[in-house]
Amino acid sequence: NNCIAYIDFGMVGIIDNKMLNFLNNIVIAIGKRNIDRVI
């Protein structure tokens, strides 16, 4: 009831800090409706 297990690890994704910062900043910019910041 409180545990899941993953299998099949042939396909994985990697995301670096630069892209994570981009995602964080763009979500905040969209939340503020700052279109120029998004661009």
PDB file of all heavy atoms in Angstrom:
ATOM      1  N   ASN A   1       0.818  -1.209   0.000  1.00  0.00           N
ATOM      2  CA  ASN A   1       0.000   0.000   0.000  1.00  0.00           C
ATOM      3  C   ASN A   1       0.854   1.263   0.000  1.00  0.00           C
ATOM      4  O   ASN A   1       0.410   2.316  -0.448  1.00  0.00           O
ATOM      5  CB  ASN A   1      -0.923   0.002   1.222  1.00  0.00           C
ATOM      6  CG  ASN A   1      -1.943   1.135   1.157  1.00  0.00           C
ATOM      7  OD1 ASN A   1      -2.549   1.382   0.107  1.00  0.00           O
ATOM      8  ND2 ASN A   1      -2.123   1.829   2.268  1.00  0.00           N
ATOM      9  N   ASN A   2       2.096   1.162   0.494  1.00  0.00           N
ATOM     10  CA  ASN A   2       2.948   2.343   0.633  1.00  0.00           C
ATOM     11  C   ASN A   2       4.277   2.199  -0.109  1.00  0.00           C
ATOM     12  O   ASN A   2       5.240   2.898   0.200  1.00  0.00           O
ATOM     13  CB  ASN A   2       3.242   2.608   2.117  1.00  0.00           C
ATOM     14  CG  ASN A   2       1.978   2.940   2.891  1.00  0.00           C
ATOM     15  OD1 ASN A   2       1.252   3.860   2.526  1.00  0.00           O
ATOM     16  ND2 ASN A   2       1.700   2.175   3.942  1.00  0.00           N
ATOM     17  N   CYS A   3       4.339   1.305  -1.091  1.00  0.00           N
ATOM     18  CA  CYS A   3       5.623   1.100  -1.777  1.00  0.00           C
ATOM     19  C   CYS A   3       5.422   0.659  -3.221  1.00  0.00           C
ATOM     20  O   CYS A   3       4.590  -0.202  -3.518  1.00  0.00           O
ATOM     21  CB  CYS A   3       6.455   0.057  -1.022  1.00  0.00           C
ATOM     22  SG  CYS A   3       8.109  -0.183  -1.705  1.00  0.00           S
ATOM     23  N   ILE A   4       6.188   1.273  -4.115  1.00  0.00           N
ATOM     24  CA  ILE A   4       6.200   0.870  -5.523  1.00  0.00           C
ATOM     25  C   ILE A   4       7.628   0.469  -5.901  1.00  0.00           C
ATOM     26  O   ILE A   4       8.587   0.804  -5.196  1.00  0.00           O
ATOM     27  CB  ILE A   4       5.710   2.004  -6.463  1.00  0.00           C
ATOM     28  CG1 ILE A   4       6.650   3.213  -6.390  1.00  0.00           C
ATOM     29  CG2 ILE A   4       4.284   2.389  -6.145  1.00  0.00           C
ATOM     30  CD1 ILE A   4       6.340   4.296  -7.419  1.00  0.00           C
ATOM     31  N   ALA A   5       7.765  -0.259  -7.018  1.00  0.00           N
ATOM     32  CA  ALA A   5       9.085  -0.674  -7.491  1.00  0.00           C
ATOM     33  C   ALA A   5       9.187  -0.406  -8.993  1.00  0.00           C
ATOM     34  O   ALA A   5       8.244  -0.667  -9.742  1.00  0.00           O
ATOM     35  CB  ALA A   5       9.319  -2.146  -7.199  1.00  0.00           C
ATOM     36  N   TYR A   6      10.329   0.133  -9.416  1.00  0.00           N
ATOM     37  CA  TYR A   6      10.592   0.369 -10.838  1.00  0.00           C
ATOM     38  C   TYR A   6      11.366  -0.809 -11.431  1.00  0.00           C
ATOM     39  O   TYR A   6      12.202  -1.416 -10.750  1.00  0.00           O
ATOM     40  CB  TYR A   6      11.420   1.638 -11.031  1.00  0.00           C
ATOM     41  CG  TYR A   6      10.679   2.931 -10.814  1.00  0.00           C
ATOM     42  CD1 TYR A   6      10.734   3.593  -9.591  1.00  0.00           C
ATOM     43  CD2 TYR A   6       9.938   3.517 -11.837  1.00  0.00           C
ATOM     44  CE1 TYR A   6      10.066   4.803  -9.389  1.00  0.00           C
ATOM     45  CE2 TYR A   6       9.264   4.721 -11.647  1.00  0.00           C
ATOM     46  CZ  TYR A   6       9.337   5.355 -10.422  1.00  0.00           C
ATOM     47  OH  TYR A   6       8.675   6.548 -10.228  1.00  0.00           O
ATOM     48  N   ILE A   7      11.101  -1.113 -12.712  1.00  0.00           N
ATOM     49  CA  ILE A   7      11.915  -2.073 -13.455  1.00  0.00           C
ATOM     50  C   ILE A   7      12.245  -1.461 -14.819  1.00  0.00           C
ATOM     51  O   ILE A   7      11.716  -0.394 -15.169  1.00  0.00           O
ATOM     52  CB  ILE A   7      11.205  -3.431 -13.645  1.00  0.00           C
ATOM     53  CG1 ILE A   7       9.915  -3.254 -14.476  1.00  0.00           C
ATOM     54  CG2 ILE A   7      10.897  -4.075 -12.308  1.00  0.00           C
ATOM     55  CD1 ILE A   7       9.328  -4.570 -14.965  1.00  0.00           C
ATOM     56  N   ASP A   8      13.104  -2.121 -15.590  1.00  0.00           N
ATOM     57  CA  ASP A   8      13.466  -1.723 -16.952  1.00  0.00           C
ATOM     58  C   ASP A   8      14.119  -0.339 -16.974  1.00  0.00           C
ATOM     59  O   ASP A   8      13.459   0.683 -17.147  1.00  0.00           O
ATOM     60  CB  ASP A   8      12.241  -1.742 -17.873  1.00  0.00           C
ATOM     61  CG  ASP A   8      12.643  -1.684 -19.349  1.00  0.00           C
ATOM     62  OD1 ASP A   8      13.841  -1.496 -19.626  1.00  0.00           O
ATOM     63  OD2 ASP A   8      11.768  -1.815 -20.216  1.00  0.00           O
ATOM     64  N   PHE A   9      15.429  -0.329 -16.836  1.00  0.00           N
ATOM     65  CA  PHE A   9      16.180   0.932 -16.739  1.00  0.00           C
ATOM     66  C   PHE A   9      16.986   1.226 -18.002  1.00  0.00           C
ATOM     67  O   PHE A   9      18.004   1.910 -17.954  1.00  0.00           O
ATOM     68  CB  PHE A   9      17.103   0.874 -15.512  1.00  0.00           C
ATOM     69  CG  PHE A   9      16.379   0.555 -14.232  1.00  0.00           C
ATOM     70  CD1 PHE A   9      16.330  -0.741 -13.738  1.00  0.00           C
ATOM     71  CD2 PHE A   9      15.713   1.550 -13.536  1.00  0.00           C
ATOM     72  CE1 PHE A   9      15.639  -1.042 -12.575  1.00  0.00           C
ATOM     73  CE2 PHE A   9      15.015   1.265 -12.368  1.00  0.00           C
ATOM     74  CZ  PHE A   9      14.981  -0.039 -11.891  1.00  0.00           C
ATOM     75  N   GLY A  10      16.515   0.685 -19.140  1.00  0.00           N
ATOM     76  CA  GLY A  10      17.226   0.906 -20.400  1.00  0.00           C
ATOM     77  C   GLY A  10      17.093   2.323 -20.921  1.00  0.00           C
ATOM     78  O   GLY A  10      17.975   2.813 -21.621  1.00  0.00           O
ATOM     79  N   MET A  11      15.979   2.994 -20.596  1.00  0.00           N
ATOM     80  CA  MET A  11      15.759   4.363 -21.055  1.00  0.00           C
ATOM     81  C   MET A  11      15.714   5.303 -19.854  1.00  0.00           C
ATOM     82  O   MET A  11      14.827   5.186 -19.004  1.00  0.00           O
ATOM     83  CB  MET A  11      14.454   4.464 -21.852  1.00  0.00           C
ATOM     84  CG  MET A  11      14.252   5.823 -22.515  1.00  0.00           C
ATOM     85  SD  MET A  11      12.674   5.942 -23.428  1.00  0.00           S
ATOM     86  CE  MET A  11      12.991   4.800 -24.774  1.00  0.00           C
ATOM     87  N   VAL A  12      16.683   6.204 -19.781  1.00  0.00           N
ATOM     88  CA  VAL A  12      16.732   7.165 -18.685  1.00  0.00           C
ATOM     89  C   VAL A  12      16.921   8.567 -19.252  1.00  0.00           C
ATOM     90  O   VAL A  12      17.373   8.743 -20.381  1.00  0.00           O
ATOM     91  CB  VAL A  12      17.892   6.853 -17.695  1.00  0.00           C
ATOM     92  CG1 VAL A  12      17.651   5.546 -16.985  1.00  0.00           C
ATOM     93  CG2 VAL A  12      19.231   6.850 -18.412  1.00  0.00           C
ATOM     94  N   GLY A  13      16.541   9.556 -18.453  1.00  0.00           N
ATOM     95  CA  GLY A  13      16.740  10.944 -18.835  1.00  0.00           C
ATOM     96  C   GLY A  13      17.709  11.621 -17.888  1.00  0.00           C
ATOM     97  O   GLY A  13      17.789  11.268 -16.711  1.00  0.00           O
ATOM     98  N   ILE A  14      18.442  12.579 -18.413  1.00  0.00           N
ATOM     99  CA  ILE A  14      19.396  13.343 -17.601  1.00  0.00           C
ATOM    100  C   ILE A  14      19.097  14.820 -17.803  1.00  0.00           C
ATOM    101  O   ILE A  14      18.910  15.277 -18.930  1.00  0.00           O
ATOM    102  CB  ILE A  14      20.852  13.034 -18.004  1.00  0.00           C
ATOM    103  CG1 ILE A  14      21.165  11.564 -17.747  1.00  0.00           C
ATOM    104  CG2 ILE A  14      21.829  13.919 -17.236  1.00  0.00           C
ATOM    105  CD1 ILE A  14      22.521  11.124 -18.251  1.00  0.00           C
ATOM    106  N   ILE A  15      19.049  15.557 -16.717  1.00  0.00           N
ATOM    107  CA  ILE A  15      18.797  16.998 -16.800  1.00  0.00           C
ATOM    108  C   ILE A  15      19.771  17.717 -15.880  1.00  0.00           C
ATOM    109  O   ILE A  15      19.927  17.352 -14.712  1.00  0.00           O
ATOM    110  CB  ILE A  15      17.323  17.319 -16.439  1.00  0.00           C
ATOM    111  CG1 ILE A  15      17.011  18.783 -16.705  1.00  0.00           C
ATOM    112  CG2 ILE A  15      16.968  16.907 -15.022  1.00  0.00           C
ATOM    113  CD1 ILE A  15      15.523  19.073 -16.793  1.00  0.00           C
ATOM    114  N   ASP A  16      20.496  18.701 -16.406  1.00  0.00           N
ATOM    115  CA  ASP A  16      21.543  19.376 -15.626  1.00  0.00           C
ATOM    116  C   ASP A  16      20.977  20.573 -14.860  1.00  0.00           C
ATOM    117  O   ASP A  16      19.807  20.949 -15.009  1.00  0.00           O
ATOM    118  CB  ASP A  16      22.706  19.806 -16.527  1.00  0.00           C
ATOM    119  CG  ASP A  16      22.263  20.705 -17.675  1.00  0.00           C
ATOM    120  OD1 ASP A  16      21.231  21.400 -17.513  1.00  0.00           O
ATOM    121  OD2 ASP A  16      22.922  20.712 -18.721  1.00  0.00           O
ATOM    122  N   ASN A  17      21.838  21.171 -14.036  1.00  0.00           N
ATOM    123  CA  ASN A  17      21.404  22.287 -13.183  1.00  0.00           C
ATOM    124  C   ASN A  17      20.952  23.491 -14.003  1.00  0.00           C
ATOM    125  O   ASN A  17      20.024  24.201 -13.611  1.00  0.00           O
ATOM    126  CB  ASN A  17      22.545  22.700 -12.242  1.00  0.00           C
ATOM    127  CG  ASN A  17      22.754  21.690 -11.132  1.00  0.00           C
ATOM    128  OD1 ASN A  17      21.806  21.034 -10.697  1.00  0.00           O
ATOM    129  ND2 ASN A  17      23.987  21.534 -10.685  1.00  0.00           N
ATOM    130  N   LYS A  18      21.613  23.723 -15.134  1.00  0.00           N
ATOM    131  CA  LYS A  18      21.237  24.863 -15.978  1.00  0.00           C
ATOM    132  C   LYS A  18      19.797  24.718 -16.458  1.00  0.00           C
ATOM    133  O   LYS A  18      19.020  25.674 -16.429  1.00  0.00           O
ATOM    134  CB  LYS A  18      22.200  24.964 -17.170  1.00  0.00           C
ATOM    135  CG  LYS A  18      21.883  26.143 -18.087  1.00  0.00           C
ATOM    136  CD  LYS A  18      22.860  26.216 -19.252  1.00  0.00           C
ATOM    137  CE  LYS A  18      22.495  27.386 -20.173  1.00  0.00           C
ATOM    138  NZ  LYS A  18      23.403  27.480 -21.338  1.00  0.00           N
ATOM    139  N   MET A  19      19.437  23.509 -16.894  1.00  0.00           N
ATOM    140  CA  MET A  19      18.080  23.284 -17.388  1.00  0.00           C
ATOM    141  C   MET A  19      17.067  23.307 -16.243  1.00  0.00           C
ATOM    142  O   MET A  19      15.935  23.787 -16.413  1.00  0.00           O
ATOM    143  CB  MET A  19      18.018  21.948 -18.128  1.00  0.00           C
ATOM    144  CG  MET A  19      16.816  21.808 -19.044  1.00  0.00           C
ATOM    145  SD  MET A  19      16.700  23.085 -20.324  1.00  0.00           S
ATOM    146  CE  MET A  19      18.120  22.705 -21.341  1.00  0.00           C
ATOM    147  N   LEU A  20      17.473  22.820 -15.082  1.00  0.00           N
ATOM    148  CA  LEU A  20      16.586  22.880 -13.917  1.00  0.00           C
ATOM    149  C   LEU A  20      16.312  24.330 -13.522  1.00  0.00           C
ATOM    150  O   LEU A  20      15.174  24.706 -13.220  1.00  0.00           O
ATOM    151  CB  LEU A  20      17.209  22.130 -12.738  1.00  0.00           C
ATOM    152  CG  LEU A  20      17.030  20.609 -12.718  1.00  0.00           C
ATOM    153  CD1 LEU A  20      17.784  20.013 -11.539  1.00  0.00           C
ATOM    154  CD2 LEU A  20      15.559  20.224 -12.638  1.00  0.00           C
ATOM    155  N   ASN A  21      17.368  25.157 -13.527  1.00  0.00           N
ATOM    156  CA  ASN A  21      17.188  26.579 -13.215  1.00  0.00           C
ATOM    157  C   ASN A  21      16.282  27.246 -14.237  1.00  0.00           C
ATOM    158  O   ASN A  21      15.458  28.097 -13.896  1.00  0.00           O
ATOM    159  CB  ASN A  21      18.550  27.283 -13.188  1.00  0.00           C
ATOM    160  CG  ASN A  21      19.380  26.879 -11.978  1.00  0.00           C
ATOM    161  OD1 ASN A  21      18.841  26.494 -10.947  1.00  0.00           O
ATOM    162  ND2 ASN A  21      20.693  26.941 -12.113  1.00  0.00           N
ATOM    163  N   PHE A  22      16.438  26.844 -15.504  1.00  0.00           N
ATOM    164  CA  PHE A  22      15.576  27.381 -16.559  1.00  0.00           C
ATOM    165  C   PHE A  22      14.114  27.043 -16.272  1.00  0.00           C
ATOM    166  O   PHE A  22      13.230  27.901 -16.373  1.00  0.00           O
ATOM    167  CB  PHE A  22      16.009  26.817 -17.910  1.00  0.00           C
ATOM    168  CG  PHE A  22      14.980  26.980 -18.992  1.00  0.00           C
ATOM    169  CD1 PHE A  22      14.782  28.201 -19.614  1.00  0.00           C
ATOM    170  CD2 PHE A  22      14.190  25.901 -19.395  1.00  0.00           C
ATOM    171  CE1 PHE A  22      13.830  28.352 -20.606  1.00  0.00           C
ATOM    172  CE2 PHE A  22      13.240  26.038 -20.379  1.00  0.00           C
ATOM    173  CZ  PHE A  22      13.058  27.270 -20.991  1.00  0.00           C
ATOM    174  N   LEU A  23      13.836  25.779 -15.922  1.00  0.00           N
ATOM    175  CA  LEU A  23      12.462  25.361 -15.633  1.00  0.00           C
ATOM    176  C   LEU A  23      11.893  26.117 -14.440  1.00  0.00           C
ATOM    177  O   LEU A  23      10.746  26.577 -14.464  1.00  0.00           O
ATOM    178  CB  LEU A  23      12.425  23.859 -15.371  1.00  0.00           C
ATOM    179  CG  LEU A  23      12.653  22.942 -16.583  1.00  0.00           C
ATOM    180  CD1 LEU A  23      12.748  21.493 -16.148  1.00  0.00           C
ATOM    181  CD2 LEU A  23      11.546  23.115 -17.612  1.00  0.00           C
ATOM    182  N   ASN A  24      12.709  26.243 -13.388  1.00  0.00           N
ATOM    183  CA  ASN A  24      12.262  26.983 -12.206  1.00  0.00           C
ATOM    184  C   ASN A  24      11.909  28.422 -12.553  1.00  0.00           C
ATOM    185  O   ASN A  24      10.845  28.939 -12.192  1.00  0.00           O
ATOM    186  CB  ASN A  24      13.361  26.980 -11.135  1.00  0.00           C
ATOM    187  CG  ASN A  24      13.567  25.613 -10.519  1.00  0.00           C
ATOM    188  OD1 ASN A  24      12.639  24.819 -10.437  1.00  0.00           O
ATOM    189  ND2 ASN A  24      14.785  25.324 -10.100  1.00  0.00           N
ATOM    190  N   ASN A  25      12.811  29.079 -13.291  1.00  0.00           N
ATOM    191  CA  ASN A  25      12.623  30.496 -13.619  1.00  0.00           C
ATOM    192  C   ASN A  25      11.447  30.718 -14.568  1.00  0.00           C
ATOM    193  O   ASN A  25      10.716  31.700 -14.442  1.00  0.00           O
ATOM    194  CB  ASN A  25      13.906  31.065 -14.241  1.00  0.00           C
ATOM    195  CG  ASN A  25      15.038  31.143 -13.237  1.00  0.00           C
ATOM    196  OD1 ASN A  25      14.805  31.304 -12.044  1.00  0.00           O
ATOM    197  ND2 ASN A  25      16.269  31.010 -13.708  1.00  0.00           N
ATOM    198  N   ILE A  26      11.265  29.775 -15.515  1.00  0.00           N
ATOM    199  CA  ILE A  26      10.189  29.989 -16.489  1.00  0.00           C
ATOM    200  C   ILE A  26       8.823  29.760 -15.841  1.00  0.00           C
ATOM    201  O   ILE A  26       7.840  30.420 -16.186  1.00  0.00           O
ATOM    202  CB  ILE A  26      10.395  29.109 -17.747  1.00  0.00           C
ATOM    203  CG1 ILE A  26       9.691  29.763 -18.935  1.00  0.00           C
ATOM    204  CG2 ILE A  26       9.866  27.686 -17.540  1.00  0.00           C
ATOM    205  CD1 ILE A  26      10.134  29.254 -20.284  1.00  0.00           C
ATOM    206  N   VAL A  27       8.743  28.815 -14.893  1.00  0.00           N
ATOM    207  CA  VAL A  27       7.481  28.596 -14.169  1.00  0.00           C
ATOM    208  C   VAL A  27       7.124  29.845 -13.365  1.00  0.00           C
ATOM    209  O   VAL A  27       5.961  30.282 -13.339  1.00  0.00           O
ATOM    210  CB  VAL A  27       7.587  27.359 -13.247  1.00  0.00           C
ATOM    211  CG1 VAL A  27       6.416  27.317 -12.273  1.00  0.00           C
ATOM    212  CG2 VAL A  27       7.615  26.086 -14.074  1.00  0.00           C
ATOM    213  N   ILE A  28       8.118  30.439 -12.712  1.00  0.00           N
ATOM    214  CA  ILE A  28       7.880  31.664 -11.932  1.00  0.00           C
ATOM    215  C   ILE A  28       7.464  32.812 -12.853  1.00  0.00           C
ATOM    216  O   ILE A  28       6.533  33.572 -12.546  1.00  0.00           O
ATOM    217  CB  ILE A  28       9.146  32.040 -11.132  1.00  0.00           C
ATOM    218  CG1 ILE A  28       9.402  30.985 -10.043  1.00  0.00           C
ATOM    219  CG2 ILE A  28       9.008  33.419 -10.497  1.00  0.00           C
ATOM    220  CD1 ILE A  28      10.756  31.111  -9.377  1.00  0.00           C
ATOM    221  N   ALA A  29       8.143  32.944 -14.005  1.00  0.00           N
ATOM    222  CA  ALA A  29       7.821  34.017 -14.953  1.00  0.00           C
ATOM    223  C   ALA A  29       6.404  33.872 -15.497  1.00  0.00           C
ATOM    224  O   ALA A  29       5.673  34.851 -15.634  1.00  0.00           O
ATOM    225  CB  ALA A  29       8.833  34.022 -16.094  1.00  0.00           C
ATOM    226  N   ILE A  30       6.004  32.625 -15.799  1.00  0.00           N
ATOM    227  CA  ILE A  30       4.637  32.379 -16.289  1.00  0.00           C
ATOM    228  C   ILE A  30       3.626  32.688 -15.194  1.00  0.00           C
ATOM    229  O   ILE A  30       2.561  33.273 -15.448  1.00  0.00           O
ATOM    230  CB  ILE A  30       4.502  30.921 -16.778  1.00  0.00           C
ATOM    231  CG1 ILE A  30       5.302  30.721 -18.058  1.00  0.00           C
ATOM    232  CG2 ILE A  30       3.034  30.561 -17.015  1.00  0.00           C
ATOM    233  CD1 ILE A  30       5.407  29.285 -18.512  1.00  0.00           C
ATOM    234  N   GLY A  31       3.969  32.320 -13.955  1.00  0.00           N
ATOM    235  CA  GLY A  31       3.082  32.619 -12.821  1.00  0.00           C
ATOM    236  C   GLY A  31       2.859  34.111 -12.639  1.00  0.00           C
ATOM    237  O   GLY A  31       1.777  34.545 -12.234  1.00  0.00           O
ATOM    238  N   LYS A  32       3.864  34.908 -12.976  1.00  0.00           N
ATOM    239  CA  LYS A  32       3.759  36.367 -12.857  1.00  0.00           C
ATOM    240  C   LYS A  32       3.264  37.016 -14.155  1.00  0.00           C
ATOM    241  O   LYS A  32       3.190  38.245 -14.246  1.00  0.00           O
ATOM    242  CB  LYS A  32       5.119  36.959 -12.490  1.00  0.00           C
ATOM    243  CG  LYS A  32       5.615  36.548 -11.107  1.00  0.00           C
ATOM    244  CD  LYS A  32       6.993  37.149 -10.836  1.00  0.00           C
ATOM    245  CE  LYS A  32       7.490  36.789  -9.438  1.00  0.00           C
ATOM    246  NZ  LYS A  32       8.845  37.330  -9.169  1.00  0.00           N
ATOM    247  N   ARG A  33       2.973  36.221 -15.163  1.00  0.00           N
ATOM    248  CA  ARG A  33       2.555  36.705 -16.492  1.00  0.00           C
ATOM    249  C   ARG A  33       3.582  37.649 -17.100  1.00  0.00           C
ATOM    250  O   ARG A  33       3.239  38.590 -17.820  1.00  0.00           O
ATOM    251  CB  ARG A  33       1.188  37.407 -16.415  1.00  0.00           C
ATOM    252  CG  ARG A  33       0.073  36.555 -15.875  1.00  0.00           C
ATOM    253  CD  ARG A  33      -1.260  37.189 -16.173  1.00  0.00           C
ATOM    254  NE  ARG A  33      -2.321  36.632 -15.340  1.00  0.00           N
ATOM    255  CZ  ARG A  33      -3.613  36.876 -15.526  1.00  0.00           C
ATOM    256  NH1 ARG A  33      -4.006  37.669 -16.502  1.00  0.00           N
ATOM    257  NH2 ARG A  33      -4.521  36.338 -14.742  1.00  0.00           N
ATOM    258  N   ASN A  34       4.837  37.382 -16.837  1.00  0.00           N
ATOM    259  CA  ASN A  34       5.925  38.221 -17.352  1.00  0.00           C
ATOM    260  C   ASN A  34       6.380  37.657 -18.696  1.00  0.00           C
ATOM    261  O   ASN A  34       7.319  36.872 -18.772  1.00  0.00           O
ATOM    262  CB  ASN A  34       7.076  38.251 -16.343  1.00  0.00           C
ATOM    263  CG  ASN A  34       8.135  39.284 -16.714  1.00  0.00           C
ATOM    264  OD1 ASN A  34       8.228  39.717 -17.861  1.00  0.00           O
ATOM    265  ND2 ASN A  34       8.932  39.676 -15.737  1.00  0.00           N
ATOM    266  N   ILE A  35       5.721  38.067 -19.776  1.00  0.00           N
ATOM    267  CA  ILE A  35       5.988  37.526 -21.101  1.00  0.00           C
ATOM    268  C   ILE A  35       7.394  37.845 -21.572  1.00  0.00           C
ATOM    269  O   ILE A  35       8.068  37.008 -22.212  1.00  0.00           O
ATOM    270  CB  ILE A  35       4.935  38.054 -22.108  1.00  0.00           C
ATOM    271  CG1 ILE A  35       5.082  37.372 -23.468  1.00  0.00           C
ATOM    272  CG2 ILE A  35       5.036  39.560 -22.269  1.00  0.00           C
ATOM    273  CD1 ILE A  35       4.636  35.963 -23.501  1.00  0.00           C
ATOM    274  N   ASP A  36       7.898  39.039 -21.266  1.00  0.00           N
ATOM    275  CA  ASP A  36       9.246  39.411 -21.696  1.00  0.00           C
ATOM    276  C   ASP A  36      10.303  38.559 -21.005  1.00  0.00           C
ATOM    277  O   ASP A  36      11.323  38.206 -21.615  1.00  0.00           O
ATOM    278  CB  ASP A  36       9.506  40.901 -21.404  1.00  0.00           C
ATOM    279  CG  ASP A  36       8.615  41.797 -22.241  1.00  0.00           C
ATOM    280  OD1 ASP A  36       8.457  41.508 -23.447  1.00  0.00           O
ATOM    281  OD2 ASP A  36       8.051  42.762 -21.700  1.00  0.00           O
ATOM    282  N   ARG A  37      10.065  38.216 -19.749  1.00  0.00           N
ATOM    283  CA  ARG A  37      10.994  37.358 -19.018  1.00  0.00           C
ATOM    284  C   ARG A  37      11.005  35.943 -19.620  1.00  0.00           C
ATOM    285  O   ARG A  37      12.066  35.330 -19.749  1.00  0.00           O
ATOM    286  CB  ARG A  37      10.573  37.299 -17.544  1.00  0.00           C
ATOM    287  CG  ARG A  37      11.361  36.345 -16.662  1.00  0.00           C
ATOM    288  CD  ARG A  37      12.789  36.732 -16.513  1.00  0.00           C
ATOM    289  NE  ARG A  37      13.478  35.887 -15.554  1.00  0.00           N
ATOM    290  CZ  ARG A  37      14.804  35.743 -15.504  1.00  0.00           C
ATOM    291  NH1 ARG A  37      15.583  36.396 -16.349  1.00  0.00           N
ATOM    292  NH2 ARG A  37      15.352  34.952 -14.597  1.00  0.00           N
ATOM    293  N   VAL A  38       9.827  35.464 -20.015  1.00  0.00           N
ATOM    294  CA  VAL A  38       9.730  34.142 -20.644  1.00  0.00           C
ATOM    295  C   VAL A  38      10.537  34.117 -21.938  1.00  0.00           C
ATOM    296  O   VAL A  38      11.321  33.187 -22.188  1.00  0.00           O
ATOM    297  CB  VAL A  38       8.259  33.772 -20.923  1.00  0.00           C
ATOM    298  CG1 VAL A  38       8.177  32.492 -21.764  1.00  0.00           C
ATOM    299  CG2 VAL A  38       7.497  33.586 -19.618  1.00  0.00           C
ATOM    300  N   ILE A  39      10.361  35.137 -22.778  1.00  0.00           N
ATOM    301  CA  ILE A  39      11.089  35.214 -24.054  1.00  0.00           C
ATOM    302  C   ILE A  39      12.595  35.300 -23.814  1.00  0.00           C
ATOM    303  O   ILE A  39      13.391  34.641 -24.494  1.00  0.00           O
ATOM    304  CB  ILE A  39      10.595  36.409 -24.893  1.00  0.00           C
ATOM    305  CG1 ILE A  39       9.154  36.147 -25.347  1.00  0.00           C
ATOM    306  CG2 ILE A  39      11.496  36.662 -26.088  1.00  0.00           C
ATOM    307  CD1 ILE A  39       8.499  37.325 -26.045  1.00  0.00           C
TER     308      ILE A  39
END
